N, C-alpha and C. Protein backbone atom coordinates (compact mmCIF):
# COMPACT_ATOMS: atom_id res chain seq x y z
N MET A 1 0.82 -1.20 0.00
CA MET A 1 0.00 0.00 0.00
C MET A 1 0.86 1.27 0.00
N LYS A 2 1.92 1.28 0.81
CA LYS A 2 2.78 2.47 0.87
C LYS A 2 3.42 2.75 -0.49
N TYR A 3 3.76 1.68 -1.21
CA TYR A 3 4.38 1.85 -2.53
C TYR A 3 3.46 2.66 -3.44
N PHE A 4 2.19 2.30 -3.49
CA PHE A 4 1.25 3.00 -4.36
C PHE A 4 0.98 4.42 -3.88
N ARG A 5 0.90 4.60 -2.55
CA ARG A 5 0.69 5.94 -2.00
C ARG A 5 1.86 6.85 -2.39
N ASP A 6 3.08 6.37 -2.16
CA ASP A 6 4.26 7.18 -2.45
C ASP A 6 4.40 7.45 -3.94
N LYS A 7 4.10 6.46 -4.76
CA LYS A 7 4.20 6.63 -6.21
C LYS A 7 3.23 7.70 -6.69
N ASN A 8 2.01 7.70 -6.13
CA ASN A 8 1.00 8.69 -6.52
C ASN A 8 1.33 10.08 -5.98
N LEU A 9 1.88 10.16 -4.77
CA LEU A 9 2.23 11.45 -4.19
C LEU A 9 3.45 12.06 -4.86
N GLY A 10 4.38 11.21 -5.26
CA GLY A 10 5.62 11.71 -5.86
C GLY A 10 6.68 12.05 -4.84
N TRP A 11 6.45 11.71 -3.58
CA TRP A 11 7.44 11.91 -2.53
C TRP A 11 7.23 10.86 -1.45
N LYS A 12 8.27 10.66 -0.63
CA LYS A 12 8.14 9.76 0.51
C LYS A 12 9.17 10.15 1.57
N ALA A 13 8.87 9.81 2.80
CA ALA A 13 9.77 10.04 3.92
C ALA A 13 9.72 8.79 4.79
N TYR A 14 10.88 8.26 5.12
CA TYR A 14 10.91 7.05 5.94
C TYR A 14 12.15 7.04 6.82
N LYS A 15 12.04 6.32 7.94
CA LYS A 15 13.16 6.18 8.86
C LYS A 15 14.20 5.25 8.25
N LYS A 16 15.40 5.73 8.19
CA LYS A 16 16.49 4.86 7.75
C LYS A 16 17.06 4.11 8.96
N ASN A 17 17.21 4.84 10.06
CA ASN A 17 17.60 4.26 11.34
C ASN A 17 17.13 5.23 12.43
N TYR A 18 17.55 5.04 13.66
CA TYR A 18 17.05 5.88 14.74
C TYR A 18 17.62 7.30 14.74
N LYS A 19 18.55 7.60 13.84
CA LYS A 19 19.13 8.94 13.78
C LYS A 19 18.98 9.60 12.41
N GLU A 20 18.18 9.00 11.52
CA GLU A 20 18.13 9.55 10.17
C GLU A 20 16.80 9.24 9.46
N ILE A 21 16.30 10.25 8.77
CA ILE A 21 15.14 10.12 7.90
C ILE A 21 15.62 10.33 6.48
N THR A 22 15.13 9.52 5.56
CA THR A 22 15.41 9.73 4.15
C THR A 22 14.17 10.33 3.52
N TYR A 23 14.31 11.50 2.92
CA TYR A 23 13.22 12.14 2.19
C TYR A 23 13.53 11.99 0.71
N SER A 24 12.53 11.55 -0.06
CA SER A 24 12.73 11.32 -1.49
C SER A 24 11.63 11.99 -2.30
N GLU A 25 12.00 12.45 -3.48
CA GLU A 25 11.04 13.01 -4.43
C GLU A 25 11.26 12.35 -5.77
N LYS A 26 10.17 12.11 -6.47
CA LYS A 26 10.24 11.53 -7.80
C LYS A 26 10.23 12.66 -8.82
N ILE A 27 11.32 12.77 -9.58
CA ILE A 27 11.46 13.81 -10.60
C ILE A 27 11.82 13.12 -11.91
N ASP A 28 11.02 13.34 -12.92
CA ASP A 28 11.24 12.71 -14.23
C ASP A 28 11.40 11.19 -14.11
N GLU A 29 10.48 10.57 -13.35
CA GLU A 29 10.44 9.12 -13.19
C GLU A 29 11.64 8.52 -12.46
N LYS A 30 12.42 9.35 -11.76
CA LYS A 30 13.55 8.87 -10.98
C LYS A 30 13.46 9.43 -9.56
N TRP A 31 13.77 8.60 -8.57
CA TRP A 31 13.73 9.03 -7.18
C TRP A 31 15.06 9.67 -6.78
N TYR A 32 14.97 10.85 -6.15
CA TYR A 32 16.14 11.56 -5.61
C TYR A 32 15.97 11.65 -4.09
N HIS A 33 17.07 11.55 -3.34
CA HIS A 33 17.01 11.43 -1.89
C HIS A 33 17.89 12.47 -1.19
N ILE A 34 17.44 12.87 -0.01
CA ILE A 34 18.28 13.63 0.92
C ILE A 34 18.13 12.98 2.29
N LYS A 35 19.12 13.20 3.14
CA LYS A 35 19.08 12.67 4.50
C LYS A 35 18.80 13.82 5.47
N ILE A 36 17.89 13.56 6.40
CA ILE A 36 17.53 14.54 7.43
C ILE A 36 17.84 13.91 8.77
N ASP A 37 18.55 14.63 9.61
CA ASP A 37 18.88 14.12 10.94
C ASP A 37 17.60 13.95 11.76
N ALA A 38 17.65 13.02 12.70
CA ALA A 38 16.51 12.78 13.58
C ALA A 38 17.03 12.36 14.94
N ASP A 39 16.13 12.31 15.89
CA ASP A 39 16.49 11.92 17.24
C ASP A 39 15.26 11.35 17.92
N ILE A 40 15.47 10.63 19.00
CA ILE A 40 14.35 10.13 19.78
C ILE A 40 14.19 11.08 20.97
N ASN A 41 13.00 11.66 21.09
CA ASN A 41 12.72 12.63 22.13
C ASN A 41 11.59 12.09 23.00
N ILE A 42 11.93 11.63 24.18
CA ILE A 42 10.95 11.06 25.11
C ILE A 42 10.07 10.03 24.41
N GLY A 43 10.70 9.08 23.75
CA GLY A 43 9.98 8.00 23.11
C GLY A 43 9.36 8.33 21.76
N THR A 44 9.54 9.54 21.27
CA THR A 44 8.99 9.94 19.98
C THR A 44 10.12 10.19 19.00
N PHE A 45 9.99 9.67 17.81
CA PHE A 45 10.97 9.86 16.75
C PHE A 45 10.70 11.21 16.10
N GLU A 46 11.68 12.12 16.14
CA GLU A 46 11.50 13.48 15.63
C GLU A 46 12.60 13.89 14.67
N PRO A 47 12.22 14.55 13.57
CA PRO A 47 13.23 15.10 12.67
C PRO A 47 13.88 16.35 13.26
N LYS A 48 15.14 16.58 12.90
CA LYS A 48 15.86 17.80 13.28
C LYS A 48 16.28 18.48 11.98
N PHE A 49 15.62 19.58 11.65
CA PHE A 49 15.85 20.23 10.37
C PHE A 49 17.01 21.21 10.43
N LYS A 50 17.72 21.30 9.33
CA LYS A 50 18.83 22.25 9.21
C LYS A 50 18.29 23.67 9.15
N SER A 51 19.13 24.63 9.50
CA SER A 51 18.76 26.04 9.38
C SER A 51 18.65 26.39 7.89
N GLU A 52 18.09 27.55 7.61
CA GLU A 52 17.92 27.97 6.21
C GLU A 52 19.25 28.02 5.47
N SER A 53 20.29 28.53 6.11
CA SER A 53 21.58 28.63 5.43
C SER A 53 22.21 27.24 5.23
N GLU A 54 22.07 26.36 6.22
CA GLU A 54 22.60 25.00 6.08
C GLU A 54 21.83 24.20 5.04
N TRP A 55 20.54 24.53 4.87
CA TRP A 55 19.69 23.81 3.92
C TRP A 55 20.23 23.92 2.49
N LEU A 56 20.92 24.99 2.20
CA LEU A 56 21.45 25.20 0.85
C LEU A 56 22.51 24.16 0.46
N SER A 57 22.99 23.38 1.42
CA SER A 57 23.94 22.31 1.10
C SER A 57 23.25 21.13 0.42
N TYR A 58 21.92 21.07 0.50
CA TYR A 58 21.17 20.02 -0.20
C TYR A 58 21.16 20.31 -1.70
N PRO A 59 20.88 19.30 -2.52
CA PRO A 59 20.82 19.52 -3.97
C PRO A 59 19.72 20.52 -4.35
N GLU A 60 19.84 21.08 -5.52
CA GLU A 60 18.90 22.11 -6.01
C GLU A 60 17.44 21.66 -5.94
N TRP A 61 17.16 20.40 -6.28
CA TRP A 61 15.77 19.94 -6.30
C TRP A 61 15.12 19.99 -4.92
N ALA A 62 15.91 20.01 -3.85
CA ALA A 62 15.38 19.99 -2.48
C ALA A 62 15.36 21.36 -1.83
N HIS A 63 15.58 22.42 -2.57
CA HIS A 63 15.67 23.75 -1.97
C HIS A 63 14.33 24.35 -1.57
N HIS A 64 13.23 23.69 -1.85
CA HIS A 64 11.92 24.17 -1.38
C HIS A 64 11.73 23.67 0.06
N ARG A 65 12.47 24.29 0.97
CA ARG A 65 12.59 23.86 2.36
C ARG A 65 11.25 23.72 3.07
N GLU A 66 10.37 24.72 2.95
CA GLU A 66 9.10 24.70 3.66
C GLU A 66 8.25 23.49 3.27
N LYS A 67 8.24 23.17 1.98
CA LYS A 67 7.45 22.05 1.49
C LYS A 67 8.02 20.72 2.02
N VAL A 68 9.34 20.59 2.01
CA VAL A 68 9.98 19.37 2.50
C VAL A 68 9.69 19.20 3.99
N ILE A 69 9.85 20.26 4.76
CA ILE A 69 9.60 20.20 6.21
C ILE A 69 8.14 19.84 6.48
N GLU A 70 7.21 20.44 5.77
CA GLU A 70 5.79 20.15 5.95
C GLU A 70 5.51 18.67 5.69
N ARG A 71 6.07 18.14 4.63
CA ARG A 71 5.84 16.74 4.27
C ARG A 71 6.44 15.79 5.31
N VAL A 72 7.65 16.06 5.74
CA VAL A 72 8.30 15.18 6.73
C VAL A 72 7.53 15.23 8.05
N LYS A 73 7.05 16.41 8.43
CA LYS A 73 6.29 16.53 9.67
C LYS A 73 4.94 15.84 9.58
N MET A 74 4.40 15.66 8.38
CA MET A 74 3.17 14.88 8.24
C MET A 74 3.41 13.43 8.64
N ARG A 75 4.57 12.90 8.31
CA ARG A 75 4.92 11.51 8.64
C ARG A 75 5.44 11.38 10.08
N TYR A 76 6.21 12.38 10.51
CA TYR A 76 6.84 12.33 11.83
C TYR A 76 6.60 13.66 12.55
N PRO A 77 5.43 13.83 13.18
CA PRO A 77 5.12 15.10 13.85
C PRO A 77 6.08 15.38 15.01
N LEU A 78 6.33 16.66 15.25
CA LEU A 78 7.17 17.06 16.38
C LEU A 78 6.36 16.91 17.67
N LYS A 79 7.04 16.58 18.74
CA LYS A 79 6.39 16.31 20.03
C LYS A 79 5.53 17.49 20.50
N ASP A 80 6.02 18.72 20.36
CA ASP A 80 5.29 19.88 20.87
C ASP A 80 4.18 20.34 19.92
N GLU A 81 3.97 19.65 18.80
CA GLU A 81 2.92 20.02 17.86
C GLU A 81 1.75 19.04 17.85
N ASP A 82 1.69 18.16 18.84
CA ASP A 82 0.61 17.15 18.90
C ASP A 82 -0.74 17.80 19.05
């Protein structure tokens, strides 16, 4: 089911391990990935986003920071935003 959801959305976010989230977008029928740091905060898995200036180290396709953050937070909400 997740495969079809992600294919239709054109993006996906998933835990790679307990310290990393992989965010992917499908562009021209190919998946591109970035790694986002994460941490466990009182039993909740939370992403830790880079600052705006640090975000520029990501590839050009990922420079729409607000959209990426919104999507990742849909999958992994921050503890204080419940």
